Amino acid sequence: MRTIGFSHGVLYRVADVYSEQIIDLYRGCSDAALETCVSKADDADKLQRIIPYVRDFSYKSVHLPSDIRYVKDEKTIRLLDKIVNYYKEVGASLALVHPDVVDDWEVFDRYKINWAIENMDNRKGRFKTAGELEEFLGKNPNWRLVLDLNHCFTNDRSMALAESILHNLKDKIAEVHLSGYINLHDPLFASKQDFIIDYCRKLDTPIIIESTFDSIDDVKKEYNYIIEKLK
């Protein structure tokens, strides 16, 4: 059985994603994986209250906020201290940052945890191509890659970009982000883009579902849809 679960923020439009009830909802689908998505830096203080609910997931990762610039200053260090403390408290395996918001990579060197970047979508200027990712990971060999298949699709509808990243960087991929694309991160049961799901077969890394929902009921619906297509 694949290690598959949700980004905990996928219900942000309809619920308090830092509540025990919502974490339990994800666990009801799968206790195999959960990625805590701290969408805003101001939300980092909320992490302490969900530690007891997250610990028992088999695989945990943390997605850092993307609403700040990461530089070597006190504000960034205070944020990273909170994130890394949470990472250690829940026994996470990976901490993920959007590379386009990093101005000083040395600030991460203070913390001996497993760091990763992800490939960016078509709204970003850099870190989208296999070459750009390979260049960064070559210079930063301790960092890993999260392959976002939705982001690949936004840049290249043929998915040749995904093929290129898999060919050149397969050994660096630590996790997969999965969702459909209609407007942004949409449910696959709605987009019916099963070819995006098919790329998950090429890797045995944990899968984190990032489809965002307008109904709590859609969580189970999306999970079941993806599991069925992965059979």
Protein backbone atom coordinates (compact mmCIF):
# COMPACT_ATOMS: atom_id res chain seq x y z
CA MET A 1 0.00 0.00 0.00
CA ARG A 2 1.35 3.41 -0.95
CA THR A 3 2.12 6.01 1.70
CA ILE A 4 -0.52 8.60 0.84
CA GLY A 5 -2.26 11.37 2.73
CA PHE A 6 -3.22 15.03 2.67
CA SER A 7 -1.80 18.48 3.06
CA HIS A 8 -3.61 19.60 6.18
CA GLY A 9 -4.59 22.91 4.55
CA VAL A 10 -6.79 21.49 1.79
CA LEU A 11 -9.97 22.50 3.67
CA TYR A 12 -8.87 26.05 4.44
CA ARG A 13 -11.87 27.50 2.58
CA VAL A 14 -14.45 25.76 4.76
CA ALA A 15 -12.88 24.84 8.11
CA ASP A 16 -10.28 25.57 10.77
CA VAL A 17 -7.51 23.28 9.57
CA TYR A 18 -5.74 23.54 12.92
CA SER A 19 -8.61 21.80 14.71
CA GLU A 20 -8.53 18.27 16.09
CA GLN A 21 -11.69 17.44 14.13
CA ILE A 22 -10.11 18.24 10.78
CA ILE A 23 -6.91 16.33 11.54
CA ASP A 24 -9.10 13.37 12.54
CA LEU A 25 -10.93 13.68 9.23
CA TYR A 26 -7.68 13.19 7.33
CA ARG A 27 -6.76 10.31 9.62
CA GLY A 28 -10.10 8.71 8.81
CA CYS A 29 -8.97 8.40 5.20
CA SER A 30 -5.37 7.45 5.91
CA ASP A 31 -3.10 7.57 8.93
CA ALA A 32 -0.16 6.94 6.63
CA ALA A 33 0.79 10.54 5.84
CA LEU A 34 0.09 14.17 6.68
CA GLU A 35 1.86 17.30 5.52
CA THR A 36 1.35 20.28 7.80
CA CYS A 37 1.01 23.31 5.56
CA VAL A 38 1.80 26.57 7.34
CA SER A 39 0.44 28.86 4.65
CA LYS A 40 1.20 32.10 6.52
CA ALA A 41 4.07 32.95 8.84
CA ASP A 42 1.59 34.24 11.43
CA ASP A 43 0.09 30.74 11.64
CA ALA A 44 3.29 29.21 13.03
CA ASP A 45 2.09 29.76 16.62
CA LYS A 46 -0.86 27.46 15.90
CA LEU A 47 1.43 24.48 15.39
CA GLN A 48 1.78 23.74 19.11
CA ARG A 49 -1.90 22.92 19.50
CA ILE A 50 -1.93 20.20 16.83
CA ILE A 51 1.20 18.32 17.92
CA PRO A 52 -0.80 15.66 19.84
CA TYR A 53 -3.07 15.06 16.83
CA VAL A 54 -0.27 14.74 14.27
CA ARG A 55 2.28 12.56 16.06
CA ASP A 56 0.64 9.22 15.24
CA PHE A 57 0.64 9.62 11.46
CA SER A 58 3.22 7.26 10.01
CA TYR A 59 4.82 9.90 7.75
CA LYS A 60 4.92 13.60 8.52
CA SER A 61 6.26 16.57 6.61
CA VAL A 62 6.02 20.35 7.00
CA HIS A 63 5.40 22.96 4.30
CA LEU A 64 6.88 26.32 5.28
CA PRO A 65 5.04 29.63 4.74
CA SER A 66 5.46 31.35 1.39
CA ASP A 67 4.24 34.81 2.43
CA ILE A 68 7.66 36.00 3.66
CA ARG A 69 11.17 36.36 2.26
CA TYR A 70 13.73 34.05 3.88
CA VAL A 71 16.80 36.07 4.85
CA LYS A 72 19.34 35.78 7.65
CA ASP A 73 17.53 38.02 10.15
CA GLU A 74 15.82 37.66 13.53
CA LYS A 75 12.31 37.44 12.03
CA THR A 76 13.24 34.52 9.78
CA ILE A 77 15.15 32.74 12.55
CA ARG A 78 12.21 33.05 14.98
CA LEU A 79 9.93 31.52 12.37
CA LEU A 80 12.34 28.70 11.54
CA ASP A 81 12.83 27.98 15.25
CA LYS A 82 9.08 27.40 15.59
CA ILE A 83 8.89 25.26 12.45
CA VAL A 84 11.90 23.12 13.39
CA ASN A 85 10.65 22.65 16.94
CA TYR A 86 7.36 21.37 15.55
CA TYR A 87 9.22 19.17 13.05
CA LYS A 88 11.12 17.51 15.89
CA GLU A 89 8.14 17.25 18.22
CA VAL A 90 6.01 15.33 15.71
CA GLY A 91 8.89 13.31 14.25
CA ALA A 92 8.64 14.74 10.73
CA SER A 93 10.78 13.45 7.88
CA LEU A 94 10.92 16.50 5.60
CA ALA A 95 10.57 20.29 5.67
CA LEU A 96 9.66 21.98 2.40
CA VAL A 97 10.22 25.58 1.29
CA HIS A 98 9.27 27.40 -1.92
CA PRO A 99 12.63 28.32 -3.45
CA ASP A 100 11.33 31.50 -5.07
CA VAL A 101 10.92 33.20 -1.66
CA VAL A 102 14.43 32.44 -0.40
CA ASP A 103 16.98 35.27 -0.52
CA ASP A 104 19.63 33.71 1.73
CA TRP A 105 19.96 29.92 1.80
CA GLU A 106 22.51 30.02 4.61
CA VAL A 107 19.76 30.72 7.16
CA PHE A 108 18.67 27.08 6.84
CA ASP A 109 22.14 25.77 7.69
CA ARG A 110 21.48 26.40 11.39
CA TYR A 111 19.11 23.42 11.48
CA LYS A 112 20.15 19.82 10.92
CA ILE A 113 16.91 18.49 9.49
CA ASN A 114 15.87 17.23 6.06
CA TRP A 115 15.18 20.23 3.82
CA ALA A 116 13.52 20.17 0.38
CA ILE A 117 12.42 22.53 -2.36
CA GLU A 118 9.62 21.95 -4.86
CA ASN A 119 9.33 22.73 -8.54
CA MET A 120 7.36 25.92 -9.13
CA ASP A 121 4.22 26.52 -11.21
CA ASN A 122 3.78 28.75 -14.25
CA ARG A 123 3.22 31.89 -12.16
CA LYS A 124 6.83 31.83 -10.98
CA GLY A 125 9.94 33.01 -12.78
CA ARG A 126 12.42 30.34 -11.64
CA PHE A 127 12.81 26.80 -10.32
CA LYS A 128 10.45 25.36 -12.92
CA THR A 129 12.70 23.41 -15.29
CA ALA A 130 14.67 20.24 -14.70
CA GLY A 131 17.85 22.18 -15.46
CA GLU A 132 17.20 24.84 -12.82
CA LEU A 133 16.35 22.23 -10.20
CA GLU A 134 19.36 20.12 -11.09
CA GLU A 135 21.65 23.15 -10.81
CA PHE A 136 20.36 23.99 -7.32
CA LEU A 137 20.49 20.41 -6.05
CA GLY A 138 23.98 19.99 -7.47
CA LYS A 139 25.16 22.98 -5.44
CA ASN A 140 23.14 21.92 -2.38
CA PRO A 141 23.51 18.13 -2.21
CA ASN A 142 21.90 17.82 1.21
CA TRP A 143 18.61 19.21 -0.07
CA ARG A 144 15.86 17.05 -1.57
CA LEU A 145 13.08 17.68 -4.09
CA VAL A 146 9.31 17.49 -3.80
CA LEU A 147 7.84 16.82 -7.23
CA ASP A 148 4.61 18.77 -7.68
CA LEU A 149 2.82 17.19 -10.64
CA ASN A 150 0.22 19.96 -10.81
CA HIS A 151 3.02 22.49 -11.19
CA CYS A 152 4.55 20.43 -13.98
CA PHE A 153 1.24 20.44 -15.83
CA THR A 154 0.78 24.21 -15.53
CA ASN A 155 4.13 24.70 -17.25
CA ASP A 156 3.80 21.93 -19.84
CA ARG A 157 0.50 20.28 -20.72
CA SER A 158 2.34 17.45 -22.48
CA MET A 159 3.97 16.52 -19.14
CA ALA A 160 7.35 16.25 -20.86
CA LEU A 161 8.61 18.45 -18.02
CA ALA A 162 7.57 15.82 -15.47
CA GLU A 163 9.33 13.17 -17.54
CA SER A 164 12.49 15.29 -17.63
CA ILE A 165 12.51 15.85 -13.87
CA LEU A 166 11.93 12.16 -13.25
CA HIS A 167 14.71 11.20 -15.65
CA ASN A 168 17.29 13.63 -14.28
CA LEU A 169 16.39 13.86 -10.59
CA LYS A 170 14.55 10.71 -9.59
CA ASP A 171 17.05 9.90 -6.85
CA LYS A 172 16.54 13.34 -5.27
CA ILE A 173 12.73 13.16 -5.09
CA ALA A 174 11.54 12.63 -1.51
CA GLU A 175 7.81 13.30 -1.89
CA VAL A 176 5.12 13.92 -4.52
CA HIS A 177 2.43 16.60 -4.44
CA LEU A 178 -0.72 15.53 -6.26
CA SER A 179 -3.76 17.49 -7.43
CA GLY A 180 -5.71 18.25 -10.57
CA TYR A 181 -5.61 21.50 -12.48
CA ILE A 182 -8.64 23.47 -13.65
CA ASN A 183 -7.95 26.82 -12.00
CA LEU A 184 -5.29 26.07 -9.38
CA HIS A 185 -5.13 22.97 -7.12
CA ASP A 186 -8.39 21.21 -7.97
CA PRO A 187 -9.83 17.79 -7.08
CA LEU A 188 -8.87 15.03 -9.46
CA PHE A 189 -12.33 13.50 -9.16
CA ALA A 190 -13.55 16.72 -10.81
CA SER A 191 -10.78 17.29 -13.37
CA LYS A 192 -10.54 13.58 -14.34
CA GLN A 193 -6.86 14.09 -15.17
CA ASP A 194 -5.92 10.51 -14.46
CA PHE A 195 -2.70 10.89 -16.47
CA ILE A 196 -1.40 13.12 -13.65
CA ILE A 197 -2.05 10.35 -11.14
CA ASP A 198 -0.25 7.88 -13.42
CA TYR A 199 3.07 9.63 -12.78
CA CYS A 200 2.87 8.55 -9.15
CA ARG A 201 3.45 4.99 -10.35
CA LYS A 202 6.98 5.95 -11.40
CA LEU A 203 8.00 6.63 -7.78
CA ASP A 204 7.58 4.91 -4.43
CA THR A 205 7.86 8.11 -2.39
CA PRO A 206 5.03 9.39 -0.14
CA ILE A 207 2.14 11.09 -1.96
CA ILE A 208 0.60 14.24 -0.48
CA ILE A 209 -2.77 15.27 -1.92
CA GLU A 210 -2.99 19.06 -2.35
CA SER A 211 -6.41 19.30 -4.00
CA THR A 212 -8.42 22.01 -2.25
CA PHE A 213 -12.07 21.43 -1.38
CA ASP A 214 -15.31 23.34 -0.85
CA SER A 215 -16.89 20.51 1.15
CA ILE A 216 -15.63 18.30 3.96
CA ASP A 217 -17.22 15.33 2.18
CA ASP A 218 -14.88 15.82 -0.78
CA VAL A 219 -11.85 14.70 1.24
CA LYS A 220 -12.94 11.07 1.32
CA LYS A 221 -14.22 11.30 -2.25
CA GLU A 222 -10.84 12.48 -3.54
CA TYR A 223 -8.91 9.93 -1.52
CA ASN A 224 -11.03 7.06 -2.80
CA TYR A 225 -10.78 8.32 -6.38
CA ILE A 226 -6.99 8.43 -6.27
CA ILE A 227 -6.63 5.08 -4.52
CA GLU A 228 -8.85 3.44 -7.14
CA LYS A 229 -6.78 4.90 -9.99
CA LEU A 230 -3.54 3.74 -8.39
CA LYS A 231 -4.67 0.10 -8.27
